[in-house]
Amino acid sequence: MLMKAESAVSPVIGVLLMLTLTLIIAAIVNSFAGGLMHTKDKSPVVTLQSEFHREDGKKWNLTIHHISGDPLPTCCVNLIIRPSKTFSCGYGTIKELDRENIKLNTSSDKSWAEGISSMHAGDIHVISGTNDDIDQKIQPPGVDFLEESSIGNTFYLEFYYDRNLIARSEVLIQP
């Protein structure tokens, strides 16, 4: 019997070619599938400082200083005031601040609700009012920031982005 000599690919080379082809197809599928997934936006990283001042016994100001970090999109940030343990009777109560009350300065018409879209490093925004509207604007139930005995006490101003705490500032009540 005569044998014919035919050239063919060895089985090892054939397996390597099939493996290479499989890896290329997997990479193509992964690139298409990876683009379809929605990733959550990362929260801004910021350093903030806040101060509370009482003026003439009738007016008050809560200032917010954006020291450094990412710009804060005001439409996505919620501010909550939480009394510290120095307020024994009011500890545990909170007050969510209305964006309408957070202004560029005390005489500005622009607020976080209308006109101010972001807060950048170096910006100072303010919430101000009188003794008559402090309960409505910033004061949690069961707490009185304007009492003489509250001077020296502290509360926390917490900043939430997409329900995640991004900054917490301890605020001293000053005369």
N, C-alpha and C. Protein backbone atom coordinates (compact mmCIF):
# COMPACT_ATOMS: atom_id res chain seq x y z
N MET A 1 0.80 -1.15 0.00
CA MET A 1 0.00 0.00 0.00
C MET A 1 0.87 1.25 0.00
N LEU A 2 0.55 2.10 -0.85
CA LEU A 2 1.31 3.33 -0.95
C LEU A 2 0.70 4.42 -0.07
N MET A 3 1.53 5.13 0.64
CA MET A 3 1.04 6.23 1.48
C MET A 3 1.28 7.55 0.75
N LYS A 4 0.29 8.33 0.79
CA LYS A 4 0.42 9.65 0.20
C LYS A 4 0.89 10.63 1.27
N ALA A 5 1.78 11.44 0.95
CA ALA A 5 2.25 12.45 1.89
C ALA A 5 1.43 13.72 1.69
N GLU A 6 0.65 14.06 2.70
CA GLU A 6 -0.12 15.30 2.67
C GLU A 6 0.33 16.16 3.85
N SER A 7 0.46 17.42 3.62
CA SER A 7 0.86 18.29 4.72
C SER A 7 -0.40 18.81 5.42
N ALA A 8 -0.36 18.79 6.73
CA ALA A 8 -1.49 19.25 7.54
C ALA A 8 -0.96 19.99 8.76
N VAL A 9 -1.84 20.67 9.44
CA VAL A 9 -1.46 21.41 10.64
C VAL A 9 -1.43 20.42 11.79
N SER A 10 -0.39 20.53 12.59
CA SER A 10 -0.30 19.61 13.72
C SER A 10 -1.40 19.92 14.72
N PRO A 11 -1.84 18.95 15.51
CA PRO A 11 -2.91 19.18 16.49
C PRO A 11 -2.58 20.28 17.50
N VAL A 12 -1.33 20.43 17.90
CA VAL A 12 -0.94 21.46 18.87
C VAL A 12 -1.17 22.84 18.28
N ILE A 13 -0.75 23.04 17.05
CA ILE A 13 -0.93 24.33 16.39
C ILE A 13 -2.42 24.61 16.21
N GLY A 14 -3.20 23.61 15.88
CA GLY A 14 -4.65 23.77 15.71
C GLY A 14 -5.32 24.21 16.99
N VAL A 15 -4.94 23.61 18.12
CA VAL A 15 -5.51 24.00 19.42
C VAL A 15 -5.12 25.43 19.76
N LEU A 16 -3.88 25.82 19.51
CA LEU A 16 -3.44 27.19 19.78
C LEU A 16 -4.21 28.19 18.93
N LEU A 17 -4.44 27.88 17.67
CA LEU A 17 -5.20 28.78 16.81
C LEU A 17 -6.65 28.93 17.29
N MET A 18 -7.26 27.83 17.70
CA MET A 18 -8.63 27.89 18.21
C MET A 18 -8.71 28.68 19.52
N LEU A 19 -7.72 28.52 20.40
CA LEU A 19 -7.68 29.26 21.65
C LEU A 19 -7.52 30.75 21.39
N THR A 20 -6.66 31.11 20.47
CA THR A 20 -6.45 32.51 20.11
C THR A 20 -7.73 33.12 19.56
N LEU A 21 -8.39 32.40 18.68
CA LEU A 21 -9.64 32.88 18.11
C LEU A 21 -10.71 33.06 19.20
N THR A 22 -10.78 32.14 20.14
CA THR A 22 -11.74 32.24 21.25
C THR A 22 -11.46 33.46 22.11
N LEU A 23 -10.18 33.73 22.40
CA LEU A 23 -9.83 34.90 23.21
C LEU A 23 -10.17 36.20 22.49
N ILE A 24 -9.96 36.26 21.20
CA ILE A 24 -10.28 37.47 20.44
C ILE A 24 -11.79 37.72 20.46
N ILE A 25 -12.57 36.67 20.26
CA ILE A 25 -14.03 36.81 20.28
C ILE A 25 -14.50 37.24 21.68
N ALA A 26 -13.91 36.67 22.73
CA ALA A 26 -14.29 37.05 24.10
C ALA A 26 -13.97 38.52 24.37
N ALA A 27 -12.84 39.00 23.87
CA ALA A 27 -12.47 40.40 24.06
C ALA A 27 -13.44 41.33 23.35
N ILE A 28 -13.87 40.97 22.15
CA ILE A 28 -14.82 41.79 21.40
C ILE A 28 -16.17 41.84 22.13
N VAL A 29 -16.65 40.69 22.58
CA VAL A 29 -17.92 40.64 23.30
C VAL A 29 -17.84 41.45 24.59
N ASN A 30 -16.72 41.35 25.30
CA ASN A 30 -16.55 42.09 26.55
C ASN A 30 -16.55 43.60 26.31
N SER A 31 -15.94 44.05 25.24
CA SER A 31 -15.90 45.49 24.98
C SER A 31 -17.30 46.03 24.69
N PHE A 32 -18.12 45.27 23.99
CA PHE A 32 -19.49 45.71 23.73
C PHE A 32 -20.34 45.64 25.00
N ALA A 33 -20.23 44.57 25.74
CA ALA A 33 -21.04 44.39 26.95
C ALA A 33 -20.63 45.38 28.03
N GLY A 34 -19.34 45.70 28.14
CA GLY A 34 -18.87 46.63 29.16
C GLY A 34 -19.41 48.03 28.94
N GLY A 35 -19.63 48.42 27.70
CA GLY A 35 -20.16 49.74 27.41
C GLY A 35 -21.63 49.88 27.71
N LEU A 36 -22.33 48.78 27.88
CA LEU A 36 -23.77 48.82 28.14
C LEU A 36 -24.09 49.03 29.61
N MET A 37 -23.13 48.77 30.49
CA MET A 37 -23.38 48.90 31.93
C MET A 37 -23.33 50.37 32.34
N HIS A 38 -24.24 50.75 33.23
CA HIS A 38 -24.25 52.11 33.76
C HIS A 38 -23.55 52.12 35.11
N THR A 39 -22.54 52.96 35.24
CA THR A 39 -21.84 53.06 36.52
C THR A 39 -22.37 54.29 37.27
N LYS A 40 -22.39 54.20 38.57
CA LYS A 40 -22.88 55.28 39.41
C LYS A 40 -21.87 56.43 39.41
N ASP A 41 -22.38 57.67 39.36
CA ASP A 41 -21.50 58.83 39.43
C ASP A 41 -20.81 58.85 40.78
N LYS A 42 -19.54 59.23 40.77
CA LYS A 42 -18.82 59.30 42.04
C LYS A 42 -19.22 60.57 42.79
N SER A 43 -19.22 60.46 44.08
CA SER A 43 -19.58 61.60 44.93
C SER A 43 -18.44 62.60 44.93
N PRO A 44 -18.76 63.91 45.02
CA PRO A 44 -17.70 64.91 45.10
C PRO A 44 -16.93 64.79 46.41
N VAL A 45 -15.67 65.13 46.35
CA VAL A 45 -14.81 65.15 47.54
C VAL A 45 -14.56 66.61 47.88
N VAL A 46 -14.97 67.02 49.08
CA VAL A 46 -14.88 68.43 49.45
C VAL A 46 -14.41 68.60 50.89
N THR A 47 -13.87 69.78 51.16
CA THR A 47 -13.58 70.21 52.52
C THR A 47 -14.40 71.48 52.74
N LEU A 48 -15.28 71.43 53.73
CA LEU A 48 -16.17 72.55 54.02
C LEU A 48 -16.01 72.99 55.46
N GLN A 49 -16.26 74.26 55.71
CA GLN A 49 -16.20 74.80 57.06
C GLN A 49 -17.43 75.69 57.26
N SER A 50 -18.03 75.64 58.43
CA SER A 50 -19.25 76.42 58.68
C SER A 50 -19.14 77.17 59.99
N GLU A 51 -19.83 78.31 60.05
CA GLU A 51 -19.85 79.14 61.26
C GLU A 51 -21.26 79.65 61.50
N PHE A 52 -21.64 79.73 62.76
CA PHE A 52 -22.95 80.27 63.14
C PHE A 52 -22.71 81.48 64.04
N HIS A 53 -23.25 82.64 63.63
CA HIS A 53 -23.10 83.87 64.40
C HIS A 53 -24.47 84.44 64.73
N ARG A 54 -24.57 84.95 65.95
CA ARG A 54 -25.77 85.69 66.36
C ARG A 54 -25.41 87.16 66.35
N GLU A 55 -26.31 87.98 65.82
CA GLU A 55 -26.05 89.42 65.75
C GLU A 55 -27.16 90.18 66.47
N ASP A 56 -26.81 91.06 67.35
CA ASP A 56 -27.76 91.95 68.04
C ASP A 56 -28.89 91.22 68.75
N GLY A 57 -28.76 89.94 68.97
CA GLY A 57 -29.82 89.19 69.63
C GLY A 57 -31.08 89.00 68.79
N LYS A 58 -31.09 89.55 67.57
CA LYS A 58 -32.27 89.43 66.72
C LYS A 58 -31.97 88.80 65.36
N LYS A 59 -30.75 88.83 64.93
CA LYS A 59 -30.38 88.27 63.62
C LYS A 59 -29.35 87.17 63.81
N TRP A 60 -29.25 86.30 62.82
CA TRP A 60 -28.28 85.21 62.85
C TRP A 60 -27.83 84.90 61.43
N ASN A 61 -26.63 84.32 61.32
CA ASN A 61 -26.06 83.89 60.03
C ASN A 61 -25.40 82.54 60.19
N LEU A 62 -25.65 81.65 59.25
CA LEU A 62 -24.94 80.38 59.14
C LEU A 62 -24.18 80.44 57.82
N THR A 63 -22.85 80.54 57.89
CA THR A 63 -22.04 80.63 56.67
C THR A 63 -21.41 79.28 56.37
N ILE A 64 -21.31 79.00 55.08
CA ILE A 64 -20.71 77.75 54.59
C ILE A 64 -19.55 78.13 53.69
N HIS A 65 -18.34 77.71 54.05
CA HIS A 65 -17.13 77.99 53.27
C HIS A 65 -16.71 76.72 52.55
N HIS A 66 -16.58 76.80 51.24
CA HIS A 66 -16.06 75.67 50.45
C HIS A 66 -14.54 75.86 50.39
N ILE A 67 -13.82 75.14 51.22
CA ILE A 67 -12.38 75.32 51.35
C ILE A 67 -11.64 74.74 50.15
N SER A 68 -11.90 73.48 49.82
CA SER A 68 -11.21 72.85 48.69
C SER A 68 -12.00 71.64 48.22
N GLY A 69 -11.63 71.17 47.03
CA GLY A 69 -12.24 69.96 46.50
C GLY A 69 -13.06 70.20 45.26
N ASP A 70 -13.89 69.22 44.95
CA ASP A 70 -14.72 69.25 43.75
C ASP A 70 -15.84 70.29 43.89
N PRO A 71 -16.32 70.81 42.76
CA PRO A 71 -17.51 71.67 42.82
C PRO A 71 -18.72 70.87 43.30
N LEU A 72 -19.57 71.51 44.08
CA LEU A 72 -20.80 70.86 44.58
C LEU A 72 -21.97 71.26 43.68
N PRO A 73 -22.60 70.31 43.02
CA PRO A 73 -23.82 70.65 42.27
C PRO A 73 -24.97 70.85 43.26
N THR A 74 -25.45 72.06 43.37
CA THR A 74 -26.42 72.38 44.43
C THR A 74 -27.75 71.64 44.28
N CYS A 75 -28.06 71.20 43.07
CA CYS A 75 -29.33 70.48 42.88
C CYS A 75 -29.29 69.08 43.47
N CYS A 76 -28.09 68.55 43.70
CA CYS A 76 -27.95 67.16 44.15
C CYS A 76 -27.47 67.04 45.59
N VAL A 77 -27.28 68.15 46.27
CA VAL A 77 -26.74 68.12 47.63
C VAL A 77 -27.85 68.47 48.62
N ASN A 78 -28.01 67.65 49.64
CA ASN A 78 -28.95 67.92 50.73
C ASN A 78 -28.16 68.27 51.98
N LEU A 79 -28.62 69.28 52.70
CA LEU A 79 -27.98 69.70 53.95
C LEU A 79 -28.89 69.36 55.12
N ILE A 80 -28.29 68.77 56.14
CA ILE A 80 -29.03 68.40 57.35
C ILE A 80 -28.29 68.95 58.56
N ILE A 81 -29.06 69.54 59.47
CA ILE A 81 -28.50 69.99 60.75
C ILE A 81 -28.87 68.97 61.80
N ARG A 82 -27.85 68.55 62.55
CA ARG A 82 -28.03 67.55 63.61
C ARG A 82 -27.35 68.09 64.87
N PRO A 83 -28.12 68.35 65.94
CA PRO A 83 -27.50 68.84 67.18
C PRO A 83 -26.51 67.81 67.74
N SER A 84 -25.45 68.32 68.34
CA SER A 84 -24.47 67.43 68.97
C SER A 84 -24.98 67.05 70.37
N LYS A 85 -24.18 66.31 71.08
CA LYS A 85 -24.57 65.88 72.42
C LYS A 85 -24.58 67.02 73.43
N THR A 86 -24.06 68.20 73.05
CA THR A 86 -24.12 69.34 73.95
C THR A 86 -25.56 69.82 74.13
N PHE A 87 -26.44 69.47 73.19
CA PHE A 87 -27.88 69.72 73.33
C PHE A 87 -28.52 68.42 73.79
N SER A 88 -28.55 68.21 75.09
CA SER A 88 -29.03 66.92 75.59
C SER A 88 -30.49 66.66 75.24
N CYS A 89 -31.34 67.69 75.31
CA CYS A 89 -32.76 67.46 75.05
C CYS A 89 -33.06 67.36 73.56
N GLY A 90 -32.25 67.97 72.72
CA GLY A 90 -32.53 67.95 71.29
C GLY A 90 -31.68 66.99 70.51
N TYR A 91 -30.78 66.29 71.22
CA TYR A 91 -29.89 65.35 70.55
C TYR A 91 -30.72 64.26 69.86
N GLY A 92 -30.43 64.01 68.62
CA GLY A 92 -31.16 62.97 67.90
C GLY A 92 -32.19 63.52 66.94
N THR A 93 -32.54 64.81 67.06
CA THR A 93 -33.46 65.41 66.11
C THR A 93 -32.67 66.01 64.95
N ILE A 94 -33.29 66.12 63.80
CA ILE A 94 -32.60 66.69 62.65
C ILE A 94 -33.50 67.70 61.95
N LYS A 95 -32.88 68.52 61.11
CA LYS A 95 -33.61 69.48 60.29
C LYS A 95 -32.96 69.49 58.91
N GLU A 96 -33.74 69.17 57.87
CA GLU A 96 -33.23 69.27 56.51
C GLU A 96 -33.44 70.70 56.03
N LEU A 97 -32.38 71.28 55.47
CA LEU A 97 -32.44 72.68 55.05
C LEU A 97 -33.05 72.79 53.66
N ASP A 98 -33.84 73.84 53.47
CA ASP A 98 -34.47 74.13 52.19
C ASP A 98 -33.47 74.87 51.30
N ARG A 99 -33.29 74.41 50.07
CA ARG A 99 -32.35 75.05 49.13
C ARG A 99 -32.69 76.52 48.88
N GLU A 100 -33.95 76.86 49.02
CA GLU A 100 -34.40 78.24 48.79
C GLU A 100 -33.75 79.21 49.78
N ASN A 101 -33.37 78.74 50.96
CA ASN A 101 -32.80 79.60 52.00
C ASN A 101 -31.29 79.75 51.92
N ILE A 102 -30.61 78.97 51.08
CA ILE A 102 -29.15 79.04 50.98
C ILE A 102 -28.81 80.02 49.86
N LYS A 103 -28.19 81.14 50.22
CA LYS A 103 -27.97 82.25 49.29
C LYS A 103 -26.47 82.51 49.11
N LEU A 104 -26.18 83.32 48.09
CA LEU A 104 -24.81 83.73 47.82
C LEU A 104 -24.31 84.68 48.90
N ASN A 105 -25.17 85.58 49.36
CA ASN A 105 -24.87 86.46 50.48
C ASN A 105 -26.20 86.90 51.10
N THR A 106 -26.15 87.70 52.14
CA THR A 106 -27.37 88.05 52.87
C THR A 106 -28.35 88.87 52.05
N SER A 107 -27.88 89.60 51.04
CA SER A 107 -28.80 90.45 50.26
C SER A 107 -29.09 89.88 48.87
N SER A 108 -28.66 88.68 48.59
CA SER A 108 -28.83 88.09 47.26
C SER A 108 -30.22 87.48 47.07
N ASP A 109 -30.72 87.59 45.84
CA ASP A 109 -31.96 86.91 45.48
C ASP A 109 -31.69 85.51 44.97
N LYS A 110 -30.46 85.25 44.57
CA LYS A 110 -30.11 83.93 44.04
C LYS A 110 -29.97 82.93 45.19
N SER A 111 -30.48 81.72 44.97
CA SER A 111 -30.40 80.68 45.99
C SER A 111 -30.00 79.37 45.34
N TRP A 112 -29.82 78.34 46.17
CA TRP A 112 -29.52 77.01 45.63
C TRP A 112 -30.70 76.48 44.84
N ALA A 113 -31.90 76.96 45.12
CA ALA A 113 -33.08 76.50 44.38
C ALA A 113 -33.20 77.20 43.03
N GLU A 114 -32.77 78.47 42.96
CA GLU A 114 -32.85 79.24 41.72
C GLU A 114 -31.64 80.14 41.57
N GLY A 115 -30.86 79.93 40.55
CA GLY A 115 -29.78 80.86 40.22
C GLY A 115 -28.38 80.39 40.57
N ILE A 116 -28.22 79.56 41.58
CA ILE A 116 -26.89 79.06 41.94
C ILE A 116 -26.87 77.57 41.64
N SER A 117 -26.09 77.20 40.63
CA SER A 117 -26.08 75.79 40.21
C SER A 117 -24.96 74.98 40.87
N SER A 118 -23.93 75.67 41.36
CA SER A 118 -22.83 74.93 41.99
C SER A 118 -22.10 75.81 42.98
N MET A 119 -21.35 75.15 43.85
CA MET A 119 -20.52 75.83 44.84
C MET A 119 -19.09 75.35 44.63
N HIS A 120 -18.18 76.30 44.36
CA HIS A 120 -16.79 75.98 44.04
C HIS A 120 -15.87 76.32 45.20
N ALA A 121 -14.67 75.78 45.15
CA ALA A 121 -13.67 76.09 46.17
C ALA A 121 -13.49 77.61 46.24
N GLY A 122 -13.52 78.13 47.45
CA GLY A 122 -13.40 79.57 47.65
C GLY A 122 -14.73 80.27 47.83
N ASP A 123 -15.83 79.63 47.44
CA ASP A 123 -17.15 80.24 47.58
C ASP A 123 -17.61 80.23 49.04
N ILE A 124 -18.36 81.26 49.40
CA ILE A 124 -18.98 81.35 50.72
C ILE A 124 -20.47 81.59 50.49
N HIS A 125 -21.30 80.69 51.00
CA HIS A 125 -22.75 80.85 50.92
C HIS A 125 -23.30 80.99 52.32
N VAL A 126 -24.49 81.57 52.42
CA VAL A 126 -25.01 81.92 53.73
C VAL A 126 -26.51 81.61 53.83
N ILE A 127 -26.90 81.25 55.03
CA ILE A 127 -28.31 81.18 55.39
C ILE A 127 -28.47 82.18 56.52
N SER A 128 -29.37 83.12 56.37
CA SER A 128 -29.52 84.15 57.40
C SER A 128 -30.98 84.37 57.71
N GLY A 129 -31.22 85.01 58.84
CA GLY A 129 -32.60 85.29 59.22
C GLY A 129 -32.68 86.01 60.53
N THR A 130 -33.88 85.98 61.09
CA THR A 130 -34.15 86.64 62.36
C THR A 130 -34.63 85.60 63.36
N ASN A 131 -34.85 86.07 64.58
CA ASN A 131 -35.36 85.17 65.62
C ASN A 131 -36.71 84.56 65.23
N ASP A 132 -37.48 85.28 64.41
CA ASP A 132 -38.81 84.82 64.04
C ASP A 132 -38.80 83.65 63.06
N ASP A 133 -37.75 83.53 62.24
CA ASP A 133 -37.76 82.48 61.21
C ASP A 133 -36.70 81.39 61.40
N ILE A 134 -36.01 81.39 62.53
CA ILE A 134 -34.95 80.39 62.72
C ILE A 134 -35.52 78.97 62.79
N ASP A 135 -36.70 78.82 63.39
CA ASP A 135 -37.32 77.48 63.46
C ASP A 135 -37.63 76.96 62.07
N GLN A 136 -38.12 77.83 61.22
CA GLN A 136 -38.48 77.43 59.86
C GLN A 136 -37.24 77.12 59.02
N LYS A 137 -36.15 77.86 59.21
CA LYS A 137 -35.00 77.74 58.31
C LYS A 137 -33.97 76.69 58.74
N ILE A 138 -33.53 76.71 60.01
CA ILE A 138 -32.41 75.83 60.36
C ILE A 138 -32.56 75.05 61.66
N GLN A 139 -33.42 75.46 62.53
CA GLN A 139 -33.41 74.90 63.89
C GLN A 139 -34.24 73.63 64.01
N PRO A 140 -33.62 72.52 64.45
CA PRO A 140 -34.39 71.28 64.67
C PRO A 140 -35.36 71.44 65.85
N PRO A 141 -36.41 70.63 65.89
CA PRO A 141 -37.36 70.70 67.01
C PRO A 141 -36.68 70.37 68.35
N GLY A 142 -37.08 71.09 69.38
CA GLY A 142 -36.56 70.83 70.72
C GLY A 142 -35.22 71.46 71.02
N VAL A 143 -34.72 72.29 70.11
CA VAL A 143 -33.41 72.93 70.28
C VAL A 143 -33.59 74.43 70.09
N ASP A 144 -32.85 75.24 70.86
CA ASP A 144 -32.89 76.69 70.68
C ASP A 144 -31.47 77.21 70.54
N PHE A 145 -31.07 77.51 69.30
CA PHE A 145 -29.72 78.01 69.03
C PHE A 145 -29.52 79.43 69.55
N LEU A 146 -30.59 80.17 69.78
CA LEU A 146 -30.47 81.58 70.15
C LEU A 146 -30.49 81.84 71.64
N GLU A 147 -30.74 80.83 72.46
CA GLU A 147 -30.68 81.00 73.91
C GLU A 147 -29.26 81.32 74.33
N GLU A 148 -29.13 82.13 75.37
CA GLU A 148 -27.79 82.46 75.88
C GLU A 148 -27.05 81.20 76.32
N SER A 149 -27.77 80.23 76.86
CA SER A 149 -27.13 79.00 77.33
C SER A 149 -26.61 78.13 76.18
N SER A 150 -27.01 78.44 74.94
CA SER A 150 -26.55 77.65 73.79
C SER A 150 -25.19 78.11 73.27
N ILE A 151 -24.74 79.30 73.69
CA ILE A 151 -23.43 79.78 73.25
C ILE A 151 -22.37 78.79 73.72
N GLY A 152 -21.53 78.37 72.80
CA GLY A 152 -20.49 77.38 73.11
C GLY A 152 -20.89 75.96 72.76
N ASN A 153 -22.18 75.72 72.59
CA ASN A 153 -22.64 74.40 72.14
C ASN A 153 -22.35 74.23 70.65
N THR A 154 -22.45 73.01 70.18
CA THR A 154 -22.18 72.75 68.77
C THR A 154 -23.32 71.94 68.15
N PHE A 155 -23.37 72.04 66.83
CA PHE A 155 -24.25 71.18 66.04
C PHE A 155 -23.48 70.78 64.78
N TYR A 156 -23.99 69.79 64.09
CA TYR A 156 -23.33 69.31 62.88
C TYR A 156 -24.12 69.74 61.65
N LEU A 157 -23.40 70.22 60.66
CA LEU A 157 -23.99 70.51 59.35
C LEU A 157 -23.47 69.42 58.42
N GLU A 158 -24.38 68.56 57.96
CA GLU A 158 -24.00 67.40 57.14
C GLU A 158 -24.43 67.62 55.70
N PHE A 159 -23.54 67.25 54.79
CA PHE A 159 -23.78 67.40 53.36
C PHE A 159 -23.91 66.02 52.75
N TYR A 160 -25.03 65.77 52.09
CA TYR A 160 -25.30 64.48 51.47
C TYR A 160 -25.39 64.65 49.96
N TYR A 161 -24.72 63.78 49.23
CA TYR A 161 -24.81 63.74 47.77
C TYR A 161 -25.32 62.36 47.39
N ASP A 162 -26.46 62.31 46.75
CA ASP A 162 -27.06 61.04 46.34
C ASP A 162 -27.18 60.09 47.53
N ARG A 163 -27.63 60.64 48.65
CA ARG A 163 -27.85 59.91 49.91
C ARG A 163 -26.56 59.41 50.57
N ASN A 164 -25.42 59.89 50.14
CA ASN A 164 -24.14 59.52 50.75
C ASN A 164 -23.57 60.74 51.46
N LEU A 165 -23.14 60.57 52.70
CA LEU A 165 -22.52 61.66 53.45
C LEU A 165 -21.17 61.99 52.82
N ILE A 166 -21.00 63.25 52.37
CA ILE A 166 -19.73 63.65 51.76
C ILE A 166 -18.94 64.61 52.63
N ALA A 167 -19.61 65.30 53.55
CA ALA A 167 -18.90 66.22 54.45
C ALA A 167 -19.74 66.43 55.70
N ARG A 168 -19.04 66.66 56.79
CA ARG A 168 -19.69 66.94 58.07
C ARG A 168 -18.88 68.00 58.78
N SER A 169 -19.51 69.11 59.09
CA SER A 169 -18.84 70.22 59.72
C SER A 169 -19.43 70.45 61.11
N GLU A 170 -18.57 70.47 62.13
CA GLU A 170 -19.05 70.78 63.48
C GLU A 170 -19.07 72.29 63.62
N VAL A 171 -20.23 72.83 63.97
CA VAL A 171 -20.44 74.27 63.99
C VAL A 171 -20.60 74.74 65.44
N LEU A 172 -19.76 75.69 65.83
CA LEU A 172 -19.81 76.27 67.17
C LEU A 172 -20.79 77.44 67.17
N ILE A 173 -21.68 77.48 68.14
CA ILE A 173 -22.61 78.61 68.26
C ILE A 173 -21.87 79.74 68.95
N GLN A 174 -21.68 80.83 68.21
CA GLN A 174 -20.92 81.97 68.69
C GLN A 174 -21.87 83.12 69.01
N PRO A 175 -21.45 83.99 69.92
CA PRO A 175 -22.31 85.15 70.26
C PRO A 175 -22.43 86.13 69.11
